[in-house]
């Protein structure tokens, strides 16, 4: 075979040989889970709203806290709901004049006022009657030693029961000096005295005094 013919045969064989495959690019790396996740984020928890109260109940809570301010300062506070439970407990038993007066002696007058005014106003007539009784009680006193304005209000007082005998009364300054005094041996229509705020007043064997002015 001639050299030229051999070269042609080799070229033809090369042309028929399969071409070498070119390298394929590698697969891209997987994305992190967080970037591909479609889950909904968990909402941030919020405080649930507290109980709601009617306007009258809110006023009661405010007034009762004011009435108990000294107690709260010493012993601590309770919840709004606890105050309401206590108030409604009082309302479930219809208050009487006697109960309100007894409460006033225990410094519960403001508590009764707040309870009846805001939670059970149907008992306001009983409250007003008790107020009149308390006023009358403060304006009546028997023999003893008193401070005007603390034990009873200033004003004019008269003995009750008609005739008074062997009665001694005395008005004095806050320092104890005598302003006026009198020993009454016989007063068929009773004795009348005017006392002023801050004075001392002493009564012996005069009986009961009641405010008349």
Protein backbone atom coordinates (compact mmCIF):
# COMPACT_ATOMS: atom_id res chain seq x y z
CA UNK A 1 0.00 0.00 0.00
CA UNK A 2 1.22 3.33 -0.85
CA UNK A 3 1.93 5.83 1.91
CA UNK A 4 -0.69 8.19 0.58
CA UNK A 5 -3.36 5.49 0.64
CA UNK A 6 -2.45 4.56 4.29
CA UNK A 7 -2.83 8.12 5.40
CA UNK A 8 -6.25 8.32 3.89
CA UNK A 9 -7.33 5.09 5.63
CA UNK A 10 -6.14 6.41 9.01
CA UNK A 11 -7.97 9.68 8.54
CA UNK A 12 -11.19 7.82 7.68
CA UNK A 13 -10.89 5.64 10.80
CA UNK A 14 -10.35 8.67 12.98
CA UNK A 15 -13.43 10.32 11.57
CA UNK A 16 -15.58 7.26 12.33
CA UNK A 17 -14.37 6.85 15.95
CA UNK A 18 -16.85 8.10 18.62
CA UNK A 19 -16.01 11.48 20.08
CA UNK A 20 -14.93 11.60 23.78
CA UNK A 21 -17.67 12.84 26.14
CA UNK A 22 -17.01 16.19 27.78
CA UNK A 23 -17.25 16.24 31.65
CA UNK A 24 -20.69 17.24 33.06
CA UNK A 25 -20.88 19.95 35.75
CA UNK A 26 -21.55 18.71 39.32
CA UNK A 27 -24.97 19.18 40.90
CA UNK A 28 -25.29 22.38 42.98
CA UNK A 29 -25.15 21.89 46.76
CA UNK A 30 -28.48 21.60 48.56
CA UNK A 31 -29.80 24.74 50.27
CA UNK A 32 -30.01 24.80 54.07
CA UNK A 33 -33.35 23.61 55.50
CA UNK A 34 -34.13 26.99 57.02
CA UNK A 35 -33.94 28.64 53.60
CA UNK A 36 -36.28 26.18 51.94
CA UNK A 37 -38.77 25.67 54.79
CA UNK A 38 -42.25 27.05 54.25
CA UNK A 39 -43.46 26.48 57.86
CA UNK A 40 -45.37 29.39 59.52
CA UNK A 41 -43.35 30.97 62.39
CA UNK A 42 -44.76 30.48 65.93
CA UNK A 43 -46.52 33.68 67.12
CA UNK A 44 -45.19 35.43 70.23
CA UNK A 45 -47.54 34.77 73.18
CA UNK A 46 -49.34 37.82 74.61
CA UNK A 47 -50.97 38.33 78.00
CA UNK A 48 -54.65 37.50 78.07
CA UNK A 49 -56.90 40.47 78.86
CA UNK A 50 -58.02 40.78 82.49
CA UNK A 51 -61.62 40.72 83.65
CA UNK A 52 -63.81 43.64 82.69
CA UNK A 53 -66.15 45.31 85.17
CA UNK A 54 -69.22 47.50 84.94
CA UNK A 55 -68.70 51.19 85.73
CA UNK A 56 -70.41 50.84 89.10
CA UNK A 57 -68.13 47.91 89.98
CA UNK A 58 -65.02 49.84 88.93
CA UNK A 59 -66.09 52.77 91.12
CA UNK A 60 -66.69 50.40 94.03
CA UNK A 61 -63.20 48.91 93.68
CA UNK A 62 -61.63 52.40 93.61
CA UNK A 63 -63.63 53.60 96.64
CA UNK A 64 -63.01 50.47 98.69
CA UNK A 65 -59.26 50.68 98.05
CA UNK A 66 -59.31 54.31 99.19
CA UNK A 67 -61.27 53.35 102.33
CA UNK A 68 -58.77 50.58 103.11
CA UNK A 69 -55.63 52.51 102.17
CA UNK A 70 -54.03 52.20 105.63
CA UNK A 71 -54.83 48.49 105.85
CA UNK A 72 -53.46 47.86 102.35
CA UNK A 73 -50.26 49.76 103.13
CA UNK A 74 -49.65 47.50 106.14
CA UNK A 75 -50.91 44.11 105.00
CA UNK A 76 -50.97 44.27 101.19
CA UNK A 77 -53.69 44.36 98.56
CA UNK A 78 -56.03 41.73 97.10
CA UNK A 79 -57.44 41.29 93.61
CA UNK A 80 -60.29 43.32 92.14
CA UNK A 81 -62.39 40.18 91.92
CA UNK A 82 -61.87 39.44 95.61
CA UNK A 83 -63.12 42.92 96.52
CA UNK A 84 -66.23 42.39 94.39
CA UNK A 85 -66.91 38.99 95.94
CA UNK A 86 -66.78 40.54 99.39
CA UNK A 87 -69.03 43.43 98.38
CA UNK A 88 -71.67 41.21 96.82
CA UNK A 89 -71.59 38.98 99.91
CA UNK A 90 -72.57 42.03 101.98
CA UNK A 91 -75.36 42.86 99.52
CA UNK A 92 -76.83 39.34 99.65
CA UNK A 93 -77.82 39.93 103.27
CA UNK A 94 -80.04 43.04 103.31
CA UNK A 95 -78.27 45.57 105.57
CA UNK A 96 -80.08 46.97 108.58
CA UNK A 97 -79.56 50.25 110.40
CA UNK A 98 -78.17 48.28 113.33
CA UNK A 99 -75.65 46.44 111.13
CA UNK A 100 -74.45 49.69 109.55
CA UNK A 101 -74.12 51.36 112.96
CA UNK A 102 -72.18 48.37 114.27
CA UNK A 103 -69.91 48.56 111.22
CA UNK A 104 -69.34 52.28 111.82
CA UNK A 105 -68.14 51.44 115.34
CA UNK A 106 -65.57 49.15 113.70
CA UNK A 107 -64.48 51.89 111.25
CA UNK A 108 -66.38 50.18 108.41
CA UNK A 109 -68.58 53.15 107.59
CA UNK A 110 -66.78 53.97 104.32
CA UNK A 111 -66.89 50.30 103.29
CA UNK A 112 -70.65 50.19 103.81
CA UNK A 113 -71.06 53.43 101.89
CA UNK A 114 -69.07 52.18 98.88
CA UNK A 115 -70.86 48.81 98.87
CA UNK A 116 -74.40 50.16 99.05
CA UNK A 117 -73.81 53.12 96.74
CA UNK A 118 -72.24 51.14 93.89
CA UNK A 119 -73.27 47.49 94.25
CA UNK A 120 -76.72 47.47 95.87
CA UNK A 121 -78.22 50.99 95.68
CA UNK A 122 -81.67 49.61 96.52
CA UNK A 123 -80.54 49.82 100.15
CA UNK A 124 -79.71 53.55 100.03
CA UNK A 125 -82.81 54.44 102.14
CA UNK A 126 -81.45 52.20 104.91
CA UNK A 127 -78.04 53.86 104.57
CA UNK A 128 -79.56 57.35 104.89
CA UNK A 129 -81.53 56.28 107.96
CA UNK A 130 -78.35 54.95 109.52
CA UNK A 131 -76.58 58.24 108.76
CA UNK A 132 -79.30 60.15 110.60
CA UNK A 133 -78.99 57.79 113.54
CA UNK A 134 -75.21 58.23 113.60
CA UNK A 135 -75.56 61.99 113.48
CA UNK A 136 -78.04 61.92 116.34
CA UNK A 137 -75.78 59.59 118.31
CA UNK A 138 -72.81 61.94 117.83
CA UNK A 139 -74.90 64.87 119.01
CA UNK A 140 -76.00 63.16 122.21
CA UNK A 141 -73.79 62.39 125.21
CA UNK A 142 -74.00 61.67 128.93
CA UNK A 143 -71.94 62.79 131.92
CA UNK A 144 -68.20 62.52 131.38
CA UNK A 145 -65.07 64.32 130.20
CA UNK A 146 -64.94 65.20 126.49
CA UNK A 147 -63.10 67.10 123.76
CA UNK A 148 -65.41 69.16 121.58
CA UNK A 149 -64.98 68.35 117.89
CA UNK A 150 -63.63 64.87 118.60
CA UNK A 151 -66.30 63.34 120.84
CA UNK A 152 -69.18 65.46 119.60
CA UNK A 153 -69.54 68.51 117.33
CA UNK A 154 -69.45 72.09 118.56
CA UNK A 155 -72.77 73.83 119.15
CA UNK A 156 -75.42 74.42 121.78
CA UNK A 157 -76.53 71.52 123.98
CA UNK A 158 -79.36 71.12 126.44
CA UNK A 159 -80.02 68.56 129.14
CA UNK A 160 -82.97 66.21 128.61
CA UNK A 161 -85.65 64.98 130.98
CA UNK A 162 -86.80 68.28 132.46
CA UNK A 163 -85.63 69.23 135.96
CA UNK A 164 -81.91 69.05 136.72
CA UNK A 165 -80.46 69.28 140.25
CA UNK A 166 -76.94 69.26 141.63
CA UNK A 167 -75.48 69.46 138.09
CA UNK A 168 -71.95 70.65 137.50
CA UNK A 169 -70.57 71.52 134.05
CA UNK A 170 -67.29 73.11 132.95
CA UNK A 171 -65.76 74.39 129.72
CA UNK A 172 -61.97 74.44 129.54
CA UNK A 173 -59.17 75.42 127.16
CA UNK A 174 -57.03 72.76 125.43
CA UNK A 175 -54.46 73.51 128.15
CA UNK A 176 -56.94 72.80 130.97
CA UNK A 177 -57.76 76.35 132.10
CA UNK A 178 -61.38 76.96 133.02
CA UNK A 179 -63.33 79.08 130.52
CA UNK A 180 -66.69 78.88 132.26
CA UNK A 181 -68.37 76.60 134.80
CA UNK A 182 -71.50 76.37 136.88
CA UNK A 183 -72.95 74.33 139.72
CA UNK A 184 -76.70 74.13 139.18
CA UNK A 185 -78.70 73.29 142.28
CA UNK A 186 -82.13 73.35 140.63
CA UNK A 187 -83.08 73.97 136.99
CA UNK A 188 -86.75 72.95 136.38
CA UNK A 189 -86.40 73.34 132.58
CA UNK A 190 -82.91 71.92 132.30
CA UNK A 191 -79.52 73.46 131.51
CA UNK A 192 -78.23 74.86 128.21
CA UNK A 193 -74.52 75.35 127.31
CA UNK A 194 -72.71 76.42 124.09
CA UNK A 195 -69.33 74.78 123.46
CA UNK A 196 -66.72 75.46 120.76
CA UNK A 197 -64.31 73.38 118.68
CA UNK A 198 -61.23 72.24 120.60
CA UNK A 199 -62.59 73.00 124.07
CA UNK A 200 -62.80 70.51 126.89
CA UNK A 201 -66.21 69.85 128.44
CA UNK A 202 -66.97 68.18 131.76
CA UNK A 203 -70.42 67.14 132.98
CA UNK A 204 -71.29 65.68 136.38
CA UNK A 205 -74.76 64.65 137.55
CA UNK A 206 -76.35 66.56 134.66
CA UNK A 207 -77.69 63.53 132.80
CA UNK A 208 -77.97 63.39 129.00
CA UNK A 209 -77.18 66.32 126.72
CA UNK A 210 -78.60 66.72 123.20
CA UNK A 211 -77.65 69.20 120.47
CA UNK A 212 -80.24 71.91 119.95
CA UNK A 213 -78.28 74.43 117.92
